[in-house]
C-alpha cells in the first residue's frame, strides 16, 4: 500500500486505505463484483461514489442528492451507470456507488475528485485497484476475488 502517492487536500492514512482495498462491491441483485465469489467481468469497470466526501459521514439526504448529481453527469456523457454498493466485509459500513465502463480514467477520477473522494476503484478481470482521484496512482491492489 502506498498512501504516500495520494496527493490530495486531505491525506489518506494506512487504515483508511486498508479499508478501501478490502471493500466488497455488490450489485442490486447481490452479485459480487469484487470480493469472495466475484462474478467474471468481461470489461474493466470503474467504481465511483459521491457519498461521504473525504470519508466524513454525511446526512442521508445529502448523500442521495450527491449521488443523483453524479448519476446525471455520467448519463450526460452517454454512459449507463450500474448501481452498486461498496461495503466492508464485516458489513460495518456501506456506500452507494456506480460502476461504469468504456470511460477515460481521467474522467472517472475527476468525478470523484470533484466530489471530495480520495479514490475510485478499477475492477479488472483479476484485480481490485484503489486509484487516487488526485495523483492517478494505484495506491493499493488485491485479487478481485477476495
Foldseek 3Di string as FASTA:
>chain_A
DAQVLQDDPDGDDPVNVVQLQQKWKAAPVGATCFEANHDFDPFKKKKAALACAVVHHDDPVVRVVRRVVLCVVCVVVPWHWGWMKIAHPVRPDIGIITITGPDDPLVRLCSRVVSRHQFMWIRDRFKTFTAGSHNRDGRDMDTRND
